[in-house]
Amino acid sequence: MISRVAEQCFWMARYLERVENTSRVLEVNRTLLLDFHVPVEQQWKPLLIISGIHDYKEEPTAENIQEYMTWDRDNPFSIISSLFWARENARIIREVISGEMWERLNYYHLWMQGTAGREAYDSNRHEFYAQVRRINQLIHGIADTTMSHGDPWEFFKLGTYLERASQTARVMDVKYHTMLPKMEDIGTPIDNAHWVAILMSCSGYEPFHKKPRQSPIDPGSAVAEFLIFDEQFPRSIKRCLWECEGAATAAAGNPIGRAATLAEKSISDLLAWLEARTISTIVREGLHESLTHVVDTVHTIGDAINATFFAAEVIPLRKEPTQSQDGKTQTQTLGTLTQTQK
C-alpha cells in the first residue's frame, strides 16, 4: 500500500469524525443554554477553543458561532469544510473504499452544498444536527461492512480513533474548564448540568448511566473517570488509544522480532502514562493539566504517524564500488526514494 493512499484513508476518517463531533457539541450547547443561565462570554466561545480557534473576530453570539462552525467554508474546522475534505480524500482513493461508501459520502456532501441542508438548518436546527450525526454514523457503518479490512481499513480506524481521543480530551478540558462554576456552585444542579453536557457532547450519557458502580463517587469525578479510563466505551480516551495501538501495529505489520515503530511507541507511551494513574491521581495533579498533556501528546502521536507511514525521505545519490569482468573496480551511482515507515 502506497503512503499517499494510507494518508488519505487516515485523514478522510479524521475529517468525518470531526464533522460528527462538531455537530454534537453545537447541539448540546444549544440545549444547555435553554435550561441554565450561563454568562454571555462563556456561552459559545468554548466551542471555538475546542477546535483550537483563538482568533475569531466577530462577537461570539449563538447565531454567529453556529453559522461559523457549520457553514463557513474558510473555517477549516466547520462542518461543511471538514465534510468537503473528507469527500475530497475519498474521491482520490475510490479504488480502496467501497462504492456504497462513496455514494453515501458524495450524497452527504451534495446535501450540504445544495439547498436541502441549508433549508433543514433554517427550519429545525435540532433535526439538522441530528441528521448530520446520523449520516456520518451511516457512513461508518457502511465502511465497516463493505470495506475490506486490510491496510486501508486500519488507517481509517487509526484516523477515527486518534481524532476521537483528541476531541474527548478537548471537550472535557475546555468545555468544563472555561465554564467552571464558582467554588460554591460545585455539586449544585448547574454544576451537574455541565457534566451531563460533557457526557452528551461525547455521546456518553446513556453508557455512563447504564454502567454499574460499586461505590458512590461525586458526579464530576465519575464522569471524568468514565471518559478517560473506561475500557468499553468507544469514545473514552483509553479505549481510543487501545484501538489506535492495534491499528498502528496492524498497519506496520507484525513479523517476529520487529521493533516497534515510532507511531506505536508514541501511542504505547501515552497508554502507559494513563495506566500509571487513577482518577484520584488525575484530579490531584489537576484535571486541566492532565487533559492538556493528553491533547499535546495526541499531536505528537499524529506527527509520529506522519513520520512513520506517510513522509517520503529522499536518500542522496551515493557511489558504490563494483567489480567489472576484467577485475577493475568501477563505481555505480545509486539513488532511491524510500518511504520512512512511521
Protein backbone atom coordinates (compact mmCIF):
# COMPACT_ATOMS: atom_id res chain seq x y z
CA MET A 1 0.00 0.00 0.00
CA ILE A 2 1.49 3.34 -1.04
CA SER A 3 1.79 6.06 1.57
CA ARG A 4 -0.44 8.52 -0.32
CA VAL A 5 -3.41 6.16 -0.12
CA ALA A 6 -2.71 5.40 3.54
CA GLU A 7 -2.58 9.10 4.39
CA GLN A 8 -5.83 9.87 2.62
CA CYS A 9 -7.62 6.99 4.39
CA PHE A 10 -6.31 8.38 7.67
CA TRP A 11 -7.40 11.96 7.01
CA MET A 12 -10.75 11.01 5.48
CA ALA A 13 -11.57 9.31 8.79
CA ARG A 14 -10.35 12.24 10.89
CA TYR A 15 -12.44 14.74 8.94
CA LEU A 16 -15.56 12.56 9.17
CA GLU A 17 -15.10 12.18 12.90
CA ARG A 18 -14.61 15.94 13.21
CA VAL A 19 -17.93 16.56 11.43
CA GLU A 20 -19.83 14.44 13.94
CA ASN A 21 -18.04 15.92 16.96
CA THR A 22 -18.71 19.48 15.84
CA SER A 23 -22.41 18.85 15.20
CA ARG A 24 -22.78 17.18 18.59
CA VAL A 25 -21.16 19.94 20.67
CA LEU A 26 -23.13 22.63 18.82
CA GLU A 27 -26.42 20.87 19.55
CA VAL A 28 -25.56 20.06 23.18
CA ASN A 29 -24.55 23.67 23.82
CA ARG A 30 -27.86 24.94 22.43
CA THR A 31 -29.76 22.59 24.74
CA LEU A 32 -27.71 23.52 27.81
CA LEU A 33 -28.31 27.23 27.31
CA LEU A 34 -32.08 26.70 27.08
CA ASP A 35 -32.14 25.28 30.60
CA PHE A 36 -29.45 27.19 32.50
CA HIS A 37 -28.21 30.74 32.74
CA VAL A 38 -24.60 30.97 31.66
CA PRO A 39 -22.61 34.24 31.44
CA VAL A 40 -22.59 35.57 27.88
CA GLU A 41 -18.81 35.35 27.49
CA GLN A 42 -18.93 31.66 28.46
CA GLN A 43 -21.82 30.56 26.26
CA TRP A 44 -20.32 29.96 22.81
CA LYS A 45 -16.65 30.88 22.94
CA PRO A 46 -15.66 27.49 24.45
CA LEU A 47 -16.79 25.81 21.24
CA LEU A 48 -14.17 27.78 19.32
CA ILE A 49 -11.47 26.82 21.80
CA ILE A 50 -12.40 23.12 21.49
CA SER A 51 -11.50 23.40 17.81
CA GLY A 52 -8.32 25.37 18.51
CA ILE A 53 -9.71 28.65 17.13
CA HIS A 54 -8.36 31.61 19.09
CA ASP A 55 -8.58 34.43 16.54
CA TYR A 56 -12.31 34.69 15.89
CA LYS A 57 -13.02 38.34 15.07
CA GLU A 58 -16.81 38.58 15.43
CA GLU A 59 -18.91 38.72 18.56
CA PRO A 60 -19.34 35.11 19.78
CA THR A 61 -23.16 35.04 19.73
CA ALA A 62 -25.24 31.91 19.25
CA GLU A 63 -26.03 32.61 15.59
CA ASN A 64 -22.53 33.81 14.72
CA ILE A 65 -20.81 30.75 16.17
CA GLN A 66 -23.29 28.24 14.75
CA GLU A 67 -23.03 29.83 11.32
CA TYR A 68 -19.24 29.93 11.52
CA MET A 69 -18.84 26.36 12.78
CA THR A 70 -21.41 24.95 10.37
CA TRP A 71 -21.28 26.85 7.07
CA ASP A 72 -18.09 28.93 6.85
CA ARG A 73 -16.03 27.43 4.02
CA ASP A 74 -12.98 29.45 5.09
CA ASN A 75 -13.08 27.89 8.55
CA PRO A 76 -11.11 24.61 8.26
CA PHE A 77 -12.94 23.22 11.32
CA SER A 78 -16.51 23.91 10.17
CA ILE A 79 -18.86 21.05 9.31
CA ILE A 80 -19.03 21.98 5.64
CA SER A 81 -15.22 22.32 5.32
CA SER A 82 -14.49 19.08 7.17
CA LEU A 83 -17.03 17.25 5.02
CA PHE A 84 -15.55 18.74 1.85
CA TRP A 85 -12.07 17.48 2.73
CA ALA A 86 -13.38 14.07 3.81
CA ARG A 87 -15.08 13.74 0.45
CA GLU A 88 -12.01 15.03 -1.41
CA ASN A 89 -9.78 12.42 0.23
CA ALA A 90 -12.35 9.73 -0.54
CA ARG A 91 -12.60 10.83 -4.18
CA ILE A 92 -8.87 10.33 -4.71
CA ILE A 93 -8.87 6.83 -3.18
CA ARG A 94 -12.10 5.45 -4.61
CA GLU A 95 -10.27 2.28 -5.56
CA VAL A 96 -9.85 1.27 -1.91
CA ILE A 97 -13.22 2.30 -0.46
CA SER A 98 -16.50 0.66 -1.41
CA GLY A 99 -18.86 2.10 -3.99
CA GLU A 100 -21.63 2.26 -1.39
CA MET A 101 -19.44 4.25 0.96
CA TRP A 102 -18.51 6.69 -1.79
CA GLU A 103 -22.15 7.13 -2.88
CA ARG A 104 -23.31 7.95 0.63
CA LEU A 105 -20.40 10.32 1.32
CA ASN A 106 -20.94 12.06 -2.01
CA TYR A 107 -24.69 12.38 -1.31
CA TYR A 108 -23.89 13.80 2.12
CA HIS A 109 -21.54 16.35 0.54
CA LEU A 110 -24.11 17.41 -2.07
CA TRP A 111 -26.83 17.70 0.59
CA MET A 112 -24.66 20.17 2.49
CA GLN A 113 -23.53 22.08 -0.58
CA GLY A 114 -27.05 22.41 -2.01
CA THR A 115 -30.25 23.94 -0.69
CA ALA A 116 -31.60 20.90 1.19
CA GLY A 117 -29.09 21.09 4.02
CA ARG A 118 -29.49 24.83 4.42
CA GLU A 119 -33.28 24.55 4.48
CA ALA A 120 -33.06 21.89 7.18
CA TYR A 121 -30.74 24.13 9.20
CA ASP A 122 -33.04 27.15 8.93
CA SER A 123 -36.26 25.29 9.69
CA ASN A 124 -35.23 22.94 12.51
CA ARG A 125 -31.75 23.33 13.96
CA HIS A 126 -32.07 20.31 16.27
CA GLU A 127 -33.11 18.00 13.45
CA PHE A 128 -30.35 19.33 11.20
CA TYR A 129 -27.58 18.46 13.66
CA ALA A 130 -29.20 15.09 14.36
CA GLN A 131 -29.28 14.38 10.62
CA VAL A 132 -25.59 15.26 10.27
CA ARG A 133 -24.75 12.75 13.01
CA ARG A 134 -26.99 10.05 11.53
CA ILE A 135 -25.49 10.35 8.05
CA ASN A 136 -21.98 10.27 9.50
CA GLN A 137 -22.76 7.18 11.56
CA LEU A 138 -24.27 5.56 8.47
CA ILE A 139 -21.03 6.14 6.55
CA HIS A 140 -19.02 4.49 9.33
CA GLY A 141 -21.42 1.53 9.34
CA ILE A 142 -21.17 1.16 5.56
CA ALA A 143 -17.39 1.34 5.76
CA ASP A 144 -17.28 -1.37 8.41
CA THR A 145 -19.47 -3.76 6.43
CA THR A 146 -18.32 -3.11 2.86
CA MET A 147 -14.60 -2.23 3.01
CA SER A 148 -12.02 -4.98 3.04
CA HIS A 149 -10.42 -4.98 6.49
CA GLY A 150 -6.88 -4.69 5.23
CA ASP A 151 -4.38 -1.85 5.39
CA PRO A 152 -6.81 0.89 4.18
CA TRP A 153 -9.22 -0.11 6.93
CA GLU A 154 -6.51 0.02 9.58
CA PHE A 155 -5.59 3.58 8.58
CA PHE A 156 -9.28 4.51 8.56
CA LYS A 157 -9.55 3.19 12.13
CA LEU A 158 -6.33 4.92 13.15
CA GLY A 159 -7.63 8.29 11.97
CA THR A 160 -11.05 7.79 13.54
CA TYR A 161 -9.84 6.84 17.00
CA LEU A 162 -7.00 9.35 17.15
CA GLU A 163 -9.47 12.15 16.38
CA ARG A 164 -11.89 10.78 18.97
CA ALA A 165 -9.23 10.69 21.68
CA SER A 166 -8.31 14.31 20.93
CA GLN A 167 -11.92 15.51 20.84
CA THR A 168 -12.87 13.77 24.09
CA ALA A 169 -9.94 15.37 25.90
CA ARG A 170 -10.66 18.78 24.37
CA VAL A 171 -14.35 18.69 25.25
CA MET A 172 -13.62 17.69 28.84
CA ASP A 173 -10.89 20.27 29.26
CA VAL A 174 -12.24 23.34 27.51
CA LYS A 175 -15.99 22.98 27.86
CA TYR A 176 -15.83 22.49 31.61
CA HIS A 177 -12.63 24.37 32.49
CA THR A 178 -13.79 27.51 30.68
CA MET A 179 -17.29 27.32 32.16
CA LEU A 180 -16.06 26.30 35.61
CA PRO A 181 -18.58 27.41 38.22
CA LYS A 182 -17.64 29.19 41.38
CA MET A 183 -16.46 27.04 44.26
CA GLU A 184 -19.83 27.40 45.97
CA ASP A 185 -21.55 26.11 42.82
CA ILE A 186 -19.74 22.76 42.82
CA GLY A 187 -22.24 19.98 43.41
CA THR A 188 -25.23 22.19 42.55
CA PRO A 189 -27.66 21.46 39.68
CA ILE A 190 -25.82 23.75 37.26
CA ASP A 191 -22.51 22.04 38.03
CA ASN A 192 -24.10 18.65 37.42
CA ALA A 193 -25.67 20.01 34.22
CA HIS A 194 -22.21 20.92 32.92
CA TRP A 195 -21.04 17.35 33.46
CA VAL A 196 -24.17 15.99 31.78
CA ALA A 197 -23.44 18.30 28.83
CA ILE A 198 -19.91 16.91 28.62
CA LEU A 199 -21.26 13.35 28.57
CA MET A 200 -23.73 14.24 25.83
CA SER A 201 -21.03 16.02 23.82
CA CYS A 202 -19.12 12.73 23.82
CA SER A 203 -22.29 10.61 23.21
CA GLY A 204 -21.72 9.03 26.62
CA TYR A 205 -24.88 9.89 28.56
CA GLU A 206 -26.60 6.51 28.24
CA PRO A 207 -23.48 4.31 28.53
CA PHE A 208 -22.44 6.23 31.64
CA HIS A 209 -25.77 5.72 33.42
CA LYS A 210 -26.03 2.08 32.38
CA LYS A 211 -22.63 1.22 33.83
CA PRO A 212 -22.86 -0.21 37.38
CA ARG A 213 -20.69 1.36 40.07
CA GLN A 214 -19.64 -0.35 43.27
CA SER A 215 -19.04 2.73 45.40
CA PRO A 216 -20.52 6.25 45.36
CA ILE A 217 -18.39 8.95 43.77
CA ASP A 218 -19.04 12.62 43.12
CA PRO A 219 -20.54 13.32 39.66
CA GLY A 220 -17.54 15.24 38.32
CA SER A 221 -15.02 12.53 39.20
CA ALA A 222 -17.37 9.80 37.97
CA VAL A 223 -17.81 11.44 34.56
CA ALA A 224 -14.10 12.18 34.23
CA GLU A 225 -13.18 8.62 35.17
CA PHE A 226 -15.65 7.22 32.64
CA LEU A 227 -14.50 9.42 29.75
CA ILE A 228 -10.81 8.90 30.46
CA PHE A 229 -10.47 5.32 31.70
CA ASP A 230 -13.50 3.24 30.70
CA GLU A 231 -12.31 0.22 28.71
CA GLN A 232 -15.61 -0.47 26.94
CA PHE A 233 -16.94 2.94 25.96
CA PRO A 234 -15.79 3.61 22.35
CA ARG A 235 -15.07 7.29 22.94
CA SER A 236 -13.12 7.09 26.18
CA ILE A 237 -9.52 8.22 25.83
CA LYS A 238 -8.12 4.89 26.96
CA ARG A 239 -10.29 2.81 24.61
CA CYS A 240 -9.48 5.10 21.67
CA LEU A 241 -5.76 4.73 22.33
CA TRP A 242 -6.12 0.94 22.51
CA GLU A 243 -7.80 0.99 19.10
CA CYS A 244 -5.07 3.29 17.74
CA GLU A 245 -2.38 0.96 19.03
CA GLY A 246 -3.99 -2.06 17.41
CA ALA A 247 -4.48 -0.27 14.08
CA ALA A 248 -0.91 1.09 14.05
CA THR A 249 0.51 -2.36 14.80
CA ALA A 250 -1.61 -4.00 12.08
CA ALA A 251 -0.67 -1.30 9.55
CA ALA A 252 3.04 -1.71 10.28
CA GLY A 253 2.95 -5.49 10.04
CA ASN A 254 4.00 -7.76 12.85
CA PRO A 255 6.84 -10.12 11.91
CA ILE A 256 8.56 -11.83 14.80
CA GLY A 257 11.27 -9.65 16.29
CA ARG A 258 10.14 -6.46 14.57
CA ALA A 259 10.97 -3.35 16.60
CA ALA A 260 8.07 -1.04 17.42
CA THR A 261 7.66 1.89 15.05
CA LEU A 262 7.75 5.48 16.29
CA ALA A 263 3.96 5.65 15.97
CA GLU A 264 3.42 2.52 18.05
CA LYS A 265 5.89 3.68 20.69
CA SER A 266 4.23 7.12 20.96
CA ILE A 267 0.81 5.55 21.47
CA SER A 268 2.05 2.97 23.99
CA ASP A 269 3.85 5.70 25.95
CA LEU A 270 0.61 7.64 26.41
CA LEU A 271 -1.23 4.45 27.34
CA ALA A 272 1.46 3.68 29.93
CA TRP A 273 1.06 7.20 31.31
CA LEU A 274 -2.68 6.59 31.74
CA GLU A 275 -2.16 3.11 33.20
CA ALA A 276 0.03 4.60 35.93
CA ARG A 277 -2.83 6.85 37.10
CA THR A 278 -6.29 6.67 38.61
CA ILE A 279 -8.97 9.32 38.60
CA SER A 280 -7.79 10.37 42.08
CA THR A 281 -4.28 10.88 40.72
CA ILE A 282 -5.61 12.85 37.76
CA VAL A 283 -7.69 15.13 40.00
CA ARG A 284 -4.78 15.61 42.41
CA GLU A 285 -2.38 16.50 39.59
CA GLY A 286 -5.02 18.75 38.03
CA LEU A 287 -7.67 17.70 35.53
CA HIS A 288 -6.85 20.60 33.22
CA GLU A 289 -3.12 19.84 33.28
CA SER A 290 -3.69 16.13 32.67
CA LEU A 291 -6.05 16.69 29.74
CA THR A 292 -3.69 19.27 28.24
CA HIS A 293 -0.97 16.62 28.39
CA VAL A 294 -3.25 14.19 26.54
CA VAL A 295 -4.09 16.73 23.82
CA ASP A 296 -0.44 17.69 23.34
CA THR A 297 0.63 14.05 23.22
CA VAL A 298 -2.04 13.23 20.64
CA HIS A 299 -0.47 15.93 18.45
CA THR A 300 2.88 14.23 18.98
CA ILE A 301 1.34 10.89 18.01
CA GLY A 302 -0.03 12.47 14.84
CA ASP A 303 3.47 13.69 13.96
CA ALA A 304 4.85 10.21 14.69
CA ILE A 305 2.22 8.61 12.42
CA ASN A 306 3.17 11.03 9.67
CA ALA A 307 6.88 10.30 10.13
CA THR A 308 6.31 6.54 10.26
CA PHE A 309 3.85 5.96 7.43
CA PHE A 310 3.43 9.00 5.18
CA ALA A 311 6.55 11.17 4.90
CA ALA A 312 8.78 10.46 1.92
CA GLU A 313 12.52 10.60 2.53
CA VAL A 314 14.90 11.06 -0.37
CA ILE A 315 18.16 9.12 0.00
CA PRO A 316 21.05 11.15 -1.54
CA LEU A 317 22.87 9.67 -4.50
CA ARG A 318 25.88 7.63 -3.49
CA LYS A 319 28.75 5.90 -5.27
CA GLU A 320 29.01 2.16 -4.82
CA PRO A 321 32.17 0.28 -5.88
CA THR A 322 31.54 -2.61 -8.25
CA GLN A 323 33.80 -5.26 -9.74
CA SER A 324 33.92 -5.45 -13.54
CA GLN A 325 34.55 -8.62 -15.55
CA ASP A 326 38.20 -7.67 -16.12
CA GLY A 327 38.73 -7.27 -12.38
CA LYS A 328 38.90 -3.50 -12.41
CA THR A 329 36.98 -1.54 -9.78
CA GLN A 330 34.20 0.67 -11.14
CA THR A 331 31.63 2.87 -9.46
CA GLN A 332 27.87 2.76 -9.87
CA THR A 333 25.57 5.62 -8.96
CA LEU A 334 22.66 4.54 -6.81
CA GLY A 335 19.73 6.65 -5.77
CA THR A 336 16.49 5.61 -4.11
CA LEU A 337 13.32 7.16 -2.89
CA THR A 338 12.10 5.44 0.22
CA GLN A 339 9.07 5.80 2.42
CA THR A 340 10.04 6.24 6.04
CA GLN A 341 7.98 3.71 7.96
CA LYS A 342 6.15 5.60 10.67
